Amino acid sequence: MKLSHLHLKDVYGNPKTLVCRLTEGSIRYSLYGGHSSSGTSFAVSNLGITLPIDKLHEEETKEDFTNRIKETINKSSYSIVNEVSTKITF
């Protein structure tokens, strides 16, 4: 299940994409260069921040967890420029 899909930029305007998924009970992050599907893969440690890997407490919702990710990013040298919907249906 995709928890969040964020388009980021650093202080120099370089675009990155961060995707957070819940897979078999574990949080997995993927970081790519650019905002398209053909970006180069990067280590998440390149963000220079520690992203959440567990719920803060049992009552924390998916939305609360996603907000915590966004708060962590916004306190870093990156900023969120777009949040791609995780609820696309046709």
Protein backbone atom coordinates (compact mmCIF):
# COMPACT_ATOMS: atom_id res chain seq x y z
CA MET A 1 0.00 0.00 0.00
CA LYS A 2 1.37 3.39 -0.99
CA LEU A 3 1.39 5.76 1.99
CA SER A 4 2.80 8.83 0.28
CA HIS A 5 4.25 10.00 -3.03
CA LEU A 6 6.04 13.33 -2.75
CA HIS A 7 7.84 15.56 -5.25
CA LEU A 8 10.69 17.39 -3.55
CA LYS A 9 13.31 19.96 -4.43
CA ASP A 10 16.52 20.85 -2.67
CA VAL A 11 17.87 24.35 -2.03
CA TYR A 12 19.38 24.36 -5.56
CA GLY A 13 16.06 23.44 -7.19
CA ASN A 14 17.07 19.85 -8.00
CA PRO A 15 13.93 17.67 -8.20
CA LYS A 16 13.56 14.37 -6.34
CA THR A 17 10.66 11.97 -5.79
CA LEU A 18 10.09 10.13 -2.51
CA VAL A 19 7.64 7.23 -2.34
CA CYS A 20 6.70 5.59 0.95
CA ARG A 21 5.03 2.16 0.97
CA LEU A 22 3.77 -0.21 3.62
CA THR A 23 4.88 -3.67 2.50
CA GLU A 24 4.19 -6.75 4.64
CA GLY A 25 4.21 -4.69 7.82
CA SER A 26 7.40 -2.73 7.01
CA ILE A 27 7.81 0.86 5.86
CA ARG A 28 9.86 1.14 2.66
CA TYR A 29 11.09 4.39 1.12
CA SER A 30 12.28 4.90 -2.47
CA LEU A 31 14.08 8.06 -3.59
CA TYR A 32 14.50 9.02 -7.26
CA GLY A 33 16.00 11.93 -9.13
CA GLY A 34 13.45 14.03 -11.01
CA HIS A 35 9.67 13.96 -10.98
CA SER A 36 9.14 11.50 -13.84
CA SER A 37 9.10 7.71 -14.00
CA SER A 38 12.61 7.55 -15.49
CA GLY A 39 14.55 9.06 -12.58
CA THR A 40 17.80 7.70 -11.21
CA SER A 41 17.50 5.78 -7.95
CA PHE A 42 19.24 7.27 -4.90
CA ALA A 43 19.86 6.07 -1.36
CA VAL A 44 17.28 7.58 1.00
CA SER A 45 20.20 8.59 3.24
CA ASN A 46 21.02 11.22 0.57
CA LEU A 47 18.18 13.28 2.04
CA GLY A 48 20.27 13.69 5.19
CA ILE A 49 17.28 13.09 7.48
CA THR A 50 15.86 10.21 9.47
CA LEU A 51 12.41 9.36 8.20
CA PRO A 52 9.83 7.62 10.40
CA ILE A 53 9.89 3.83 10.22
CA ASP A 54 7.23 2.99 12.79
CA LYS A 55 3.99 4.31 14.18
CA LEU A 56 4.41 6.83 16.98
CA HIS A 57 1.59 5.15 18.93
CA GLU A 58 -1.17 2.62 18.26
CA GLU A 59 -3.77 5.31 17.48
CA GLU A 60 -1.63 7.01 14.80
CA THR A 61 -3.47 7.00 11.46
CA LYS A 62 -2.09 6.76 7.94
CA GLU A 63 -2.74 10.50 7.55
CA ASP A 64 -0.90 11.28 10.83
CA PHE A 65 2.07 9.15 9.73
CA THR A 66 2.18 10.87 6.32
CA ASN A 67 2.03 14.29 7.99
CA ARG A 68 4.99 13.29 10.16
CA ILE A 69 6.97 12.42 7.02
CA LYS A 70 6.13 15.80 5.49
CA GLU A 71 7.05 17.68 8.68
CA THR A 72 10.41 15.89 8.81
CA ILE A 73 11.16 16.80 5.18
CA ASN A 74 10.08 20.42 5.59
CA LYS A 75 12.52 20.81 8.50
CA SER A 76 15.38 19.73 6.23
CA SER A 77 17.08 21.33 3.22
CA TYR A 78 14.31 19.89 1.00
CA SER A 79 10.84 21.21 0.40
CA ILE A 80 7.71 19.47 -0.87
CA VAL A 81 6.52 20.91 -4.18
CA ASN A 82 3.72 18.41 -4.89
CA GLU A 83 1.92 15.53 -3.24
CA VAL A 84 0.74 12.94 -5.76
CA SER A 85 -2.62 11.42 -4.86
CA THR A 86 -2.41 7.87 -3.53
CA LYS A 87 -6.13 7.29 -4.23
CA ILE A 88 -6.36 7.38 -8.03
CA THR A 89 -9.29 5.44 -9.43
CA PHE A 90 -10.69 5.09 -12.94
